[in-house]
Protein backbone atom coordinates (compact mmCIF):
# COMPACT_ATOMS: atom_id res chain seq x y z
CA MET A 1 -0.17 -15.64 -0.84
CA GLN A 2 -3.55 -16.61 -0.91
CA ALA A 3 -4.06 -16.25 2.85
CA ILE A 4 -2.38 -12.90 2.22
CA LYS A 5 -5.09 -11.87 -0.53
CA GLU A 6 -7.79 -12.75 1.98
CA GLY A 7 -6.61 -10.85 5.02
CA ILE A 8 -6.04 -7.48 2.66
CA LEU A 9 -9.35 -7.61 1.39
CA LYS A 10 -11.20 -8.72 4.42
CA VAL A 11 -9.07 -5.13 6.48
CA ILE A 12 -10.44 -3.32 3.24
CA SER A 13 -13.87 -4.53 3.04
CA ILE A 14 -14.08 -3.42 6.98
CA GLY A 15 -12.77 -0.16 6.32
CA LEU A 16 -14.96 0.64 3.99
CA LYS A 17 -18.31 0.26 6.59
CA PRO A 18 -16.32 0.27 9.54
CA GLU A 19 -19.26 1.93 12.06
CA GLU A 20 -19.92 -1.91 13.83
CA PHE A 21 -16.29 -2.93 13.83
CA PHE A 22 -15.24 0.67 15.37
CA GLU A 23 -18.20 0.55 17.86
CA ALA A 24 -17.42 -2.78 19.46
CA LYS A 25 -13.73 -2.24 19.42
CA TYR A 26 -14.48 0.95 21.01
CA GLN A 27 -16.64 -0.83 23.94
CA LYS A 28 -13.62 -3.01 24.23
CA ILE A 29 -11.42 -0.21 25.16
CA VAL A 30 -13.56 2.06 27.58
CA TYR A 31 -14.44 -1.85 29.28
CA SER A 32 -10.55 -2.38 29.79
CA VAL A 33 -9.85 1.18 30.65
CA GLY A 34 -12.15 1.29 33.24
CA ARG A 35 -11.17 -1.95 34.72
CA PHE A 36 -7.78 -1.34 34.78
CA TYR A 37 -8.74 1.47 36.94
CA ASP A 38 -10.85 -0.38 39.33
CA MET A 39 -7.57 -3.21 39.61
CA ILE A 40 -5.20 0.26 40.38
CA LYS A 41 -7.49 1.75 42.70
CA ASN A 42 -8.58 -1.65 44.59
CA GLN A 43 -4.67 -2.36 44.68
CA ALA A 44 -5.58 -5.94 43.07
CA PHE A 45 -2.50 -5.72 40.47
CA GLU A 46 1.01 -7.67 40.45
CA LEU A 47 3.88 -7.79 38.31
CA ASN A 48 3.90 -10.08 35.55
CA ALA A 49 5.56 -13.80 36.65
CA LYS A 50 7.46 -13.76 33.26
CA GLY A 51 10.91 -12.26 33.53
CA ASN A 52 11.08 -11.31 30.13
CA GLU A 53 7.82 -9.69 29.95
CA ARG A 54 9.31 -7.36 32.89
CA VAL A 55 12.16 -6.38 30.88
CA THR A 56 9.43 -5.44 28.15
CA GLY A 57 7.97 -3.28 30.12
CA TYR A 58 10.39 -1.51 31.72
CA THR A 59 12.17 -0.79 28.45
CA ASN A 60 8.76 0.84 27.56
CA LEU A 61 9.01 2.91 30.48
CA LEU A 62 12.36 3.63 29.62
CA ILE A 63 11.28 5.00 25.99
CA VAL A 64 7.95 7.17 27.95
CA GLY A 65 11.47 8.74 29.89
CA VAL A 66 13.33 9.48 26.41
CA CYS A 67 10.23 11.28 25.22
CA ILE A 68 10.22 13.26 27.93
CA PHE A 69 13.40 14.40 27.99
CA SER A 70 13.04 14.97 24.05
CA LEU A 71 9.64 17.15 24.80
CA ILE A 72 12.06 19.12 27.59
CA ILE A 73 14.72 19.31 24.95
CA LEU A 74 12.24 20.34 21.96
CA SER A 75 10.04 22.77 24.49
CA HIS A 76 13.31 24.97 24.88
CA LYS A 77 14.45 25.35 21.44
CA LYS A 78 12.98 28.41 19.46
CA ALA A 79 11.38 28.17 16.26
CA CYS A 80 11.30 30.66 13.51
CA GLY A 81 8.66 31.72 11.57
CA VAL A 82 5.89 29.16 10.82
CA TYR A 83 7.08 26.95 8.84
CA GLN A 84 9.57 26.06 11.62
CA SER A 85 6.47 26.15 14.21
CA MET A 86 5.37 23.46 12.22
CA ASN A 87 7.89 21.38 11.78
CA LYS A 88 9.03 21.68 15.33
CA PHE A 89 4.74 20.82 16.44
CA TRP A 90 5.16 17.73 14.43
CA MET A 91 7.83 16.45 16.27
CA ILE A 92 6.45 17.16 19.70
CA ILE A 93 3.05 15.41 18.95
CA PHE A 94 5.16 12.61 17.75
CA ASN A 95 7.21 12.35 21.33
CA PHE A 96 3.91 12.84 23.05
CA ALA A 97 2.05 10.26 20.70
CA LEU A 98 4.82 8.18 21.37
CA SER A 99 5.12 8.68 24.74
CA LEU A 100 1.23 6.81 25.45
CA GLY A 101 1.80 4.20 23.22
CA ALA A 102 5.25 3.08 25.57
CA PHE A 103 2.76 3.79 28.64
CA PHE A 104 0.55 0.98 27.31
CA GLY A 105 3.35 -1.12 26.20
CA PHE A 106 4.29 -0.75 30.15
CA ILE A 107 1.19 -1.47 31.83
CA VAL A 108 0.43 -4.64 28.98
CA HIS A 109 4.07 -6.26 29.44
CA ALA A 110 5.18 -5.16 33.40
CA PHE A 111 2.00 -6.14 35.04
CA ALA A 112 -0.27 -9.43 35.29
CA ILE A 113 -3.48 -8.26 33.86
CA PRO A 114 -6.85 -10.83 33.33
CA SER A 115 -6.89 -11.24 29.04
CA ASP A 116 -10.46 -9.81 29.35
CA ILE A 117 -9.12 -6.39 30.37
CA LEU A 118 -5.50 -6.77 28.41
CA GLU A 119 -7.51 -7.12 24.86
CA GLY A 120 -8.71 -3.08 25.02
CA LEU A 121 -5.85 -1.86 26.71
CA TRP A 122 -3.79 -3.63 23.48
CA TYR A 123 -6.05 -1.84 20.95
CA CYS A 124 -4.83 1.67 22.79
CA LEU A 125 -1.42 0.61 22.41
CA TYR A 126 -1.92 0.09 18.59
CA THR A 127 -3.94 3.22 18.13
CA PHE A 128 -0.69 5.56 19.84
CA LEU A 129 2.03 3.54 18.08
CA ILE A 130 0.66 4.25 14.72
CA ILE A 131 -0.15 7.63 15.33
CA ALA A 132 3.35 8.44 16.43
CA LEU A 133 4.60 7.00 13.36
CA MET A 134 2.28 8.71 11.65
CA LEU A 135 3.48 11.99 13.18
CA ARG A 136 7.06 11.39 12.52
CA PHE A 137 6.70 10.71 8.93
CA PHE A 138 4.73 14.16 8.78
CA GLN A 139 7.59 15.72 10.18
CA VAL A 140 10.20 14.22 7.67
CA PHE A 141 7.49 15.47 4.27
CA TRP A 142 6.83 18.41 5.78
CA GLU A 143 10.79 19.26 6.38
CA CYS A 144 11.24 18.17 2.53
CA SER A 145 8.68 20.46 1.56
CA VAL A 146 5.29 21.38 1.83
CA THR A 147 4.37 19.93 -1.80
CA VAL A 148 5.98 16.82 -0.67
CA PHE A 149 3.73 16.93 2.64
CA LEU A 150 0.57 17.48 0.80
CA LEU A 151 1.34 14.44 -1.80
CA MET A 152 2.14 12.13 0.98
CA LEU A 153 -0.27 13.13 3.55
CA PRO A 154 -2.99 11.11 1.99
CA GLN A 155 -1.16 8.17 1.76
CA LEU A 156 0.32 7.96 5.21
CA ILE A 157 -3.34 8.58 6.86
CA VAL A 158 -5.56 6.19 4.64
CA PHE A 159 -2.21 3.65 5.14
CA GLY A 160 -2.32 4.39 8.77
CA TYR A 161 -6.17 3.56 8.85
CA PHE A 162 -6.24 0.62 7.75
CA ASP A 163 -3.08 -0.82 9.47
CA ILE A 164 -5.63 0.30 12.73
CA ILE A 165 -7.83 -1.90 11.46
CA ALA A 166 -5.58 -4.82 10.45
CA CYS A 167 -3.31 -4.44 14.12
CA TRP A 168 -7.10 -4.36 16.07
CA TYR A 169 -8.57 -7.50 13.88
CA TYR A 170 -5.58 -9.43 13.87
CA ASP A 171 -4.12 -8.58 17.08
CA LYS A 172 -0.55 -8.70 15.40
CA PHE A 173 2.30 -6.24 15.72
CA LEU A 174 3.55 -7.21 12.33
CA PHE A 175 1.10 -4.48 10.76
CA ILE A 176 2.91 -1.79 12.55
CA GLY A 177 6.49 -3.07 11.13
CA VAL A 178 4.97 -2.90 7.45
CA TYR A 179 3.94 0.43 8.01
CA VAL A 180 7.29 1.49 9.50
CA LEU A 181 9.41 -0.35 6.55
CA PHE A 182 7.37 1.19 3.65
CA PHE A 183 7.55 4.79 4.45
CA GLY A 184 10.87 4.56 6.38
CA LEU A 185 12.20 3.64 2.93
CA PHE A 186 10.66 6.87 2.03
CA MET A 187 12.20 9.02 4.99
CA GLY A 188 16.07 7.61 4.51
CA PHE A 189 15.98 8.23 0.80
CA ILE A 190 14.94 11.73 2.08
CA HIS A 191 17.46 11.97 4.49
CA PHE A 192 20.37 10.58 2.19
CA VAL A 193 19.01 13.22 -0.56
CA HIS A 194 19.33 16.02 2.25
CA ILE A 195 23.22 15.05 3.13
CA CYS A 196 24.13 15.40 -0.74
CA THR A 197 21.38 18.72 -1.38
CA ARG A 198 21.92 20.31 2.16
CA SER A 199 24.19 20.16 4.49
CA GLY A 200 26.99 16.95 5.50
CA LYS A 201 25.03 17.38 8.98
CA TYR A 202 21.83 15.51 8.08
CA ILE A 203 24.06 12.30 8.20
CA LEU A 204 23.13 12.66 11.92
CA TYR A 205 19.50 11.48 10.81
CA SER A 206 20.77 9.01 8.75
CA PHE A 207 22.63 7.39 11.74
CA SER A 208 19.17 7.37 13.65
CA ASP A 209 17.74 5.94 10.60
CA LEU A 210 20.05 3.03 10.67
CA ILE A 211 19.59 2.49 14.47
CA GLY A 212 15.69 2.29 13.79
CA LEU A 213 16.44 -0.04 11.26
CA ILE A 214 18.81 -2.03 13.11
CA SER A 215 16.00 -2.02 15.94
CA VAL A 216 13.18 -3.33 13.58
CA ILE A 217 15.73 -6.27 12.11
CA VAL A 218 16.48 -7.17 16.34
CA GLN A 219 12.64 -7.43 16.80
CA ILE A 220 12.16 -9.83 13.72
CA THR A 221 14.81 -12.23 15.64
CA SER A 222 14.85 -14.74 18.36
CA ILE A 223 17.71 -12.93 20.01
CA ARG A 224 17.92 -13.96 24.07
CA TYR A 225 19.65 -12.91 26.78
CA GLY A 226 18.99 -13.97 30.18
CA ASN A 227 15.50 -11.84 31.05
CA TRP A 228 16.61 -10.10 27.52
CA ASP A 229 14.23 -10.90 24.84
CA LYS A 230 14.20 -9.16 21.20
CA ASN A 231 11.40 -6.83 22.49
CA GLY A 232 14.13 -5.54 25.43
CA PHE A 233 16.57 -5.18 22.68
CA PHE A 234 14.18 -3.16 20.39
CA HIS A 235 12.58 -0.89 23.08
CA LEU A 236 16.46 0.20 23.92
CA GLY A 237 16.73 0.66 20.09
CA VAL A 238 13.63 3.17 19.54
CA SER A 239 14.85 4.76 23.05
CA PHE A 240 18.23 5.42 21.20
CA TYR A 241 16.40 6.24 18.33
CA VAL A 242 14.32 8.97 19.61
CA LEU A 243 17.62 10.34 21.47
CA VAL A 244 19.52 10.46 18.38
CA ASN A 245 16.71 12.06 16.70
CA THR A 246 15.53 14.70 18.83
CA ILE A 247 19.40 15.99 18.88
CA SER A 248 19.23 15.81 14.99
CA PHE A 249 16.37 17.71 14.50
CA SER A 250 17.32 20.33 17.19
CA THR A 251 20.91 21.06 16.06
CA ILE A 252 19.86 20.90 12.21
CA SER A 253 16.34 21.52 10.90
CA LEU A 254 15.31 24.24 13.96
CA SER A 255 18.86 25.79 13.03
CA SER A 256 17.93 26.18 9.18
CA SER A 257 16.22 28.81 7.81
CA LYS A 258 13.08 27.81 5.22
CA LYS A 259 14.83 29.64 2.73
CA GLY A 260 16.32 27.91 -0.05
CA LYS A 261 16.76 24.77 1.92
CA THR A 262 13.33 23.37 2.26
CA LYS A 263 12.86 22.53 -1.73
CA LEU A 264 13.50 18.84 -2.61
CA ASP A 265 10.68 18.98 -5.01
């Protein structure tokens, strides 16, 4: 408990005076991206020798493909009015941000990259994943009601800000999981209320929530089958989650009018 307390205080202290911290990390990102670009230009990279790392990279690429497919579906769905247009906007940029995060995941896992270059690429991965999660929750709270969205917006941004600092400072995925579980509970509750008060169709959202929860649980296990470890199975779950979530959004959220259906508060 003492270590956790000290860790929280350290992250808060950095967050209150972040200039030097962010400047150092930004320089590292610029260096890593530049060096990786040079590796591509000179064809000086090769696949990771570890089979499980390659699988993790390829399943990240699967997430990218599913996100692109979801973007195509969403681009062909019409949104009526400002409210639904914003609802669609949150979902589109969520898929875009997640695809970028997964692309960096593909790079850091699938290829053998020197550690000095790898560090900055991980920072990019953490950042895009947290932004993607933030946008996903934006959409959920916006669909709930504008009031709920405005109430939760500061918490999402502040928590996300400190989460990025924690991920960059400690270089661990754990803090992303905390963000997911904390706001994911709110999301699951909202979808349950929608089932009871709006339409039974919202059970599709609850199904996608369940997929997401199972995926997170798998991520904290030590499951392994051949070259498939917990990360590979987790990414399969995320791909399935994104697909079901897009189908749910297209068939439920965009087909519902705001009037009489957007008030939970």
